[in-house]
Amino acid sequence: MSASNTPPAGTDPRKDSLIEYPSVFPIKVMGAMVDGFAEAMCQVALIFDPDFDARTIELRPSKGGNYLGVTLNINATSREQLDDLYRALTSHPMVKIVL
């Protein structure tokens, strides 16, 4: 017997998620405190959310000033979009952690 990850025809995979789409979804990204980090994260966000507004980001420097936390508020339209965005962020050379 084999299990299939494909939902039955006619079902909406968005109903299997705890996230309601579309919605504003915060993504927290942590990286080294270097020039251009926040701007680079905004550029990645724009690839997956063309309406992303960089004025909505939140910046939080670490206590020691070595790291910067950036919160990106994404207009999430699907799980696939969020998964692709997480993959792009986690593979970015400036990123240490994505939550």
N, C-alpha and C. Protein backbone atom coordinates (compact mmCIF):
# COMPACT_ATOMS: atom_id res chain seq x y z
N MET A 1 0.85 -1.16 0.00
CA MET A 1 0.00 0.00 0.00
C MET A 1 0.90 1.22 0.00
N SER A 2 0.60 2.21 -0.84
CA SER A 2 1.41 3.42 -0.89
C SER A 2 0.57 4.61 -0.50
N ALA A 3 1.20 5.53 0.21
CA ALA A 3 0.51 6.76 0.62
C ALA A 3 0.81 7.85 -0.40
N SER A 4 -0.14 8.66 -0.65
CA SER A 4 0.03 9.75 -1.60
C SER A 4 -0.10 11.08 -0.88
N ASN A 5 0.77 12.02 -1.21
CA ASN A 5 0.70 13.35 -0.64
C ASN A 5 -0.19 14.28 -1.47
N THR A 6 -0.71 13.78 -2.56
CA THR A 6 -1.56 14.58 -3.42
C THR A 6 -2.97 14.61 -2.86
N PRO A 7 -3.53 15.83 -2.67
CA PRO A 7 -4.89 15.90 -2.15
C PRO A 7 -5.88 15.40 -3.18
N PRO A 8 -7.00 14.85 -2.74
CA PRO A 8 -8.01 14.39 -3.67
C PRO A 8 -8.49 15.53 -4.56
N ALA A 9 -8.89 15.19 -5.77
CA ALA A 9 -9.38 16.19 -6.71
C ALA A 9 -10.54 16.96 -6.09
N GLY A 10 -10.53 18.27 -6.31
CA GLY A 10 -11.63 19.10 -5.82
C GLY A 10 -11.42 19.63 -4.42
N THR A 11 -10.31 19.23 -3.76
CA THR A 11 -10.07 19.77 -2.43
C THR A 11 -9.14 20.97 -2.52
N ASP A 12 -9.26 21.87 -1.60
CA ASP A 12 -8.45 23.08 -1.57
C ASP A 12 -7.34 22.90 -0.55
N PRO A 13 -6.06 22.79 -0.98
CA PRO A 13 -4.97 22.56 -0.04
C PRO A 13 -4.82 23.70 0.97
N ARG A 14 -5.34 24.88 0.66
CA ARG A 14 -5.25 25.99 1.61
C ARG A 14 -6.06 25.71 2.87
N LYS A 15 -7.05 24.83 2.79
CA LYS A 15 -7.87 24.50 3.95
C LYS A 15 -7.11 23.64 4.95
N ASP A 16 -6.01 23.00 4.51
CA ASP A 16 -5.21 22.16 5.39
C ASP A 16 -4.19 22.97 6.20
N SER A 17 -4.13 24.25 5.96
CA SER A 17 -3.16 25.11 6.61
C SER A 17 -3.79 25.87 7.77
N LEU A 18 -2.98 26.20 8.75
CA LEU A 18 -3.45 27.03 9.85
C LEU A 18 -3.46 28.51 9.45
N ILE A 19 -2.84 28.81 8.34
CA ILE A 19 -2.78 30.18 7.83
C ILE A 19 -3.92 30.39 6.85
N GLU A 20 -4.60 31.49 6.99
CA GLU A 20 -5.66 31.83 6.05
C GLU A 20 -5.06 32.71 4.96
N TYR A 21 -5.28 32.35 3.71
CA TYR A 21 -4.71 33.11 2.59
C TYR A 21 -5.81 33.90 1.90
N PRO A 22 -5.53 35.07 1.42
CA PRO A 22 -4.31 35.85 1.64
C PRO A 22 -4.32 36.47 3.03
N SER A 23 -3.11 36.72 3.55
CA SER A 23 -2.97 37.39 4.85
C SER A 23 -1.56 37.95 4.96
N VAL A 24 -1.43 38.91 5.87
CA VAL A 24 -0.11 39.46 6.15
C VAL A 24 0.58 38.49 7.09
N PHE A 25 1.79 38.07 6.71
CA PHE A 25 2.51 37.04 7.46
C PHE A 25 3.91 37.57 7.81
N PRO A 26 4.24 37.68 9.09
CA PRO A 26 5.57 38.17 9.47
C PRO A 26 6.62 37.07 9.39
N ILE A 27 7.75 37.39 8.79
CA ILE A 27 8.88 36.48 8.72
C ILE A 27 10.07 37.18 9.35
N LYS A 28 10.69 36.53 10.33
CA LYS A 28 11.83 37.12 11.03
C LYS A 28 13.12 36.52 10.47
N VAL A 29 14.04 37.40 10.10
CA VAL A 29 15.31 37.00 9.51
C VAL A 29 16.43 37.61 10.35
N MET A 30 17.43 36.80 10.67
CA MET A 30 18.56 37.27 11.46
C MET A 30 19.84 37.11 10.64
N GLY A 31 20.66 38.16 10.68
CA GLY A 31 21.94 38.12 9.99
C GLY A 31 22.93 39.01 10.68
N ALA A 32 24.16 38.99 10.19
CA ALA A 32 25.21 39.83 10.76
C ALA A 32 24.86 41.30 10.53
N MET A 33 25.27 42.14 11.45
CA MET A 33 25.05 43.58 11.35
C MET A 33 26.05 44.12 10.33
N VAL A 34 25.65 44.11 9.06
CA VAL A 34 26.49 44.62 7.98
C VAL A 34 25.67 45.55 7.11
N ASP A 35 26.35 46.47 6.46
CA ASP A 35 25.66 47.38 5.55
C ASP A 35 24.96 46.59 4.45
N GLY A 36 23.72 46.94 4.19
CA GLY A 36 22.98 46.34 3.10
C GLY A 36 22.17 45.12 3.45
N PHE A 37 22.25 44.63 4.71
CA PHE A 37 21.51 43.42 5.07
C PHE A 37 20.01 43.61 4.94
N ALA A 38 19.47 44.66 5.56
CA ALA A 38 18.02 44.89 5.51
C ALA A 38 17.56 45.10 4.07
N GLU A 39 18.32 45.84 3.29
CA GLU A 39 17.96 46.10 1.90
C GLU A 39 17.96 44.80 1.09
N ALA A 40 18.94 43.94 1.35
CA ALA A 40 19.00 42.66 0.63
C ALA A 40 17.79 41.79 0.96
N MET A 41 17.35 41.81 2.23
CA MET A 41 16.18 41.02 2.62
C MET A 41 14.91 41.58 1.96
N CYS A 42 14.84 42.89 1.82
CA CYS A 42 13.70 43.51 1.13
C CYS A 42 13.68 43.09 -0.35
N GLN A 43 14.83 43.01 -0.96
CA GLN A 43 14.89 42.59 -2.36
C GLN A 43 14.40 41.16 -2.54
N VAL A 44 14.75 40.29 -1.62
CA VAL A 44 14.26 38.90 -1.67
C VAL A 44 12.74 38.90 -1.48
N ALA A 45 12.25 39.66 -0.52
CA ALA A 45 10.81 39.72 -0.27
C ALA A 45 10.05 40.18 -1.50
N LEU A 46 10.59 41.15 -2.22
CA LEU A 46 9.92 41.68 -3.42
C LEU A 46 9.78 40.64 -4.52
N ILE A 47 10.68 39.68 -4.56
CA ILE A 47 10.59 38.62 -5.57
C ILE A 47 9.32 37.80 -5.37
N PHE A 48 8.98 37.56 -4.12
CA PHE A 48 7.84 36.69 -3.79
C PHE A 48 6.56 37.47 -3.47
N ASP A 49 6.69 38.75 -3.19
CA ASP A 49 5.55 39.62 -2.93
C ASP A 49 5.81 40.96 -3.60
N PRO A 50 5.40 41.10 -4.87
CA PRO A 50 5.68 42.33 -5.61
C PRO A 50 5.10 43.59 -4.95
N ASP A 51 4.12 43.42 -4.07
CA ASP A 51 3.52 44.56 -3.37
C ASP A 51 4.17 44.81 -2.00
N PHE A 52 5.25 44.10 -1.70
CA PHE A 52 5.92 44.25 -0.42
C PHE A 52 6.32 45.71 -0.21
N ASP A 53 6.03 46.23 0.98
CA ASP A 53 6.33 47.62 1.33
C ASP A 53 7.48 47.63 2.32
N ALA A 54 8.64 48.04 1.86
CA ALA A 54 9.84 48.05 2.71
C ALA A 54 9.70 48.97 3.91
N ARG A 55 8.76 49.90 3.87
CA ARG A 55 8.56 50.80 5.01
C ARG A 55 7.95 50.07 6.21
N THR A 56 7.46 48.85 6.00
CA THR A 56 6.82 48.09 7.09
C THR A 56 7.80 47.20 7.84
N ILE A 57 9.06 47.14 7.42
CA ILE A 57 10.00 46.24 8.11
C ILE A 57 10.29 46.76 9.51
N GLU A 58 10.61 45.82 10.37
CA GLU A 58 11.02 46.14 11.74
C GLU A 58 12.46 45.67 11.91
N LEU A 59 13.28 46.52 12.48
CA LEU A 59 14.69 46.20 12.70
C LEU A 59 14.96 46.10 14.19
N ARG A 60 15.69 45.05 14.58
CA ARG A 60 16.06 44.86 15.98
C ARG A 60 17.52 44.42 16.07
N PRO A 61 18.39 45.33 16.48
CA PRO A 61 19.79 44.93 16.67
C PRO A 61 19.94 44.06 17.91
N SER A 62 20.91 43.15 17.88
CA SER A 62 21.19 42.32 19.05
C SER A 62 21.82 43.17 20.15
N LYS A 63 21.82 42.65 21.38
CA LYS A 63 22.40 43.39 22.52
C LYS A 63 23.84 43.80 22.25
N GLY A 64 24.60 42.88 21.70
CA GLY A 64 26.01 43.16 21.43
C GLY A 64 26.25 43.95 20.16
N GLY A 65 25.21 44.14 19.36
CA GLY A 65 25.36 44.89 18.12
C GLY A 65 26.00 44.12 16.99
N ASN A 66 26.14 42.80 17.16
CA ASN A 66 26.77 41.99 16.11
C ASN A 66 25.77 41.48 15.07
N TYR A 67 24.50 41.42 15.44
CA TYR A 67 23.47 40.85 14.57
C TYR A 67 22.30 41.81 14.44
N LEU A 68 21.55 41.63 13.35
CA LEU A 68 20.36 42.44 13.12
C LEU A 68 19.20 41.52 12.80
N GLY A 69 18.10 41.72 13.51
CA GLY A 69 16.87 41.00 13.22
C GLY A 69 15.98 41.88 12.35
N VAL A 70 15.47 41.31 11.28
CA VAL A 70 14.59 42.03 10.36
C VAL A 70 13.28 41.27 10.27
N THR A 71 12.17 41.95 10.53
CA THR A 71 10.86 41.34 10.35
C THR A 71 10.26 41.86 9.06
N LEU A 72 9.97 40.91 8.15
CA LEU A 72 9.36 41.22 6.85
C LEU A 72 7.89 40.85 6.93
N ASN A 73 7.01 41.78 6.67
CA ASN A 73 5.57 41.50 6.66
C ASN A 73 5.13 41.24 5.22
N ILE A 74 4.97 39.97 4.92
CA ILE A 74 4.69 39.50 3.56
C ILE A 74 3.19 39.32 3.36
N ASN A 75 2.70 39.66 2.19
CA ASN A 75 1.33 39.33 1.82
C ASN A 75 1.35 37.88 1.33
N ALA A 76 1.02 36.97 2.22
CA ALA A 76 1.07 35.53 1.91
C ALA A 76 -0.16 35.14 1.11
N THR A 77 0.07 34.54 -0.05
CA THR A 77 -1.03 34.12 -0.92
C THR A 77 -1.17 32.60 -1.01
N SER A 78 -0.12 31.86 -0.61
CA SER A 78 -0.19 30.40 -0.66
C SER A 78 0.95 29.80 0.16
N ARG A 79 0.79 28.56 0.49
CA ARG A 79 1.87 27.86 1.21
C ARG A 79 3.10 27.72 0.31
N GLU A 80 2.86 27.48 -0.96
CA GLU A 80 3.97 27.35 -1.91
C GLU A 80 4.80 28.64 -1.95
N GLN A 81 4.14 29.79 -1.95
CA GLN A 81 4.84 31.07 -1.95
C GLN A 81 5.70 31.19 -0.70
N LEU A 82 5.14 30.89 0.47
CA LEU A 82 5.89 30.99 1.71
C LEU A 82 7.06 30.00 1.75
N ASP A 83 6.82 28.77 1.29
CA ASP A 83 7.90 27.77 1.25
C ASP A 83 9.04 28.24 0.36
N ASP A 84 8.70 28.77 -0.81
CA ASP A 84 9.72 29.27 -1.74
C ASP A 84 10.49 30.44 -1.14
N LEU A 85 9.78 31.33 -0.45
CA LEU A 85 10.42 32.47 0.19
C LEU A 85 11.37 32.01 1.29
N TYR A 86 10.93 31.06 2.13
CA TYR A 86 11.80 30.53 3.19
C TYR A 86 13.05 29.89 2.59
N ARG A 87 12.89 29.15 1.50
CA ARG A 87 14.07 28.52 0.87
C ARG A 87 15.03 29.59 0.36
N ALA A 88 14.49 30.64 -0.26
CA ALA A 88 15.36 31.71 -0.78
C ALA A 88 16.08 32.43 0.36
N LEU A 89 15.38 32.70 1.44
CA LEU A 89 16.00 33.39 2.57
C LEU A 89 17.05 32.52 3.26
N THR A 90 16.73 31.26 3.52
CA THR A 90 17.68 30.40 4.23
C THR A 90 18.93 30.11 3.41
N SER A 91 18.83 30.20 2.09
CA SER A 91 20.00 29.95 1.25
C SER A 91 20.78 31.24 0.95
N HIS A 92 20.27 32.38 1.38
CA HIS A 92 20.96 33.65 1.14
C HIS A 92 22.24 33.70 1.99
N PRO A 93 23.36 34.11 1.40
CA PRO A 93 24.63 34.09 2.13
C PRO A 93 24.70 35.03 3.34
N MET A 94 23.85 36.03 3.41
CA MET A 94 23.88 36.98 4.53
C MET A 94 23.02 36.52 5.72
N VAL A 95 22.20 35.48 5.51
CA VAL A 95 21.22 35.07 6.51
C VAL A 95 21.78 33.98 7.42
N LYS A 96 21.55 34.16 8.71
CA LYS A 96 21.92 33.15 9.71
C LYS A 96 20.73 32.30 10.11
N ILE A 97 19.56 32.94 10.36
CA ILE A 97 18.37 32.23 10.85
C ILE A 97 17.12 32.86 10.23
N VAL A 98 16.14 32.01 9.91
CA VAL A 98 14.83 32.48 9.45
C VAL A 98 13.77 31.82 10.32
N LEU A 99 12.88 32.63 10.86
CA LEU A 99 11.78 32.12 11.68
C LEU A 99 10.46 32.53 11.06
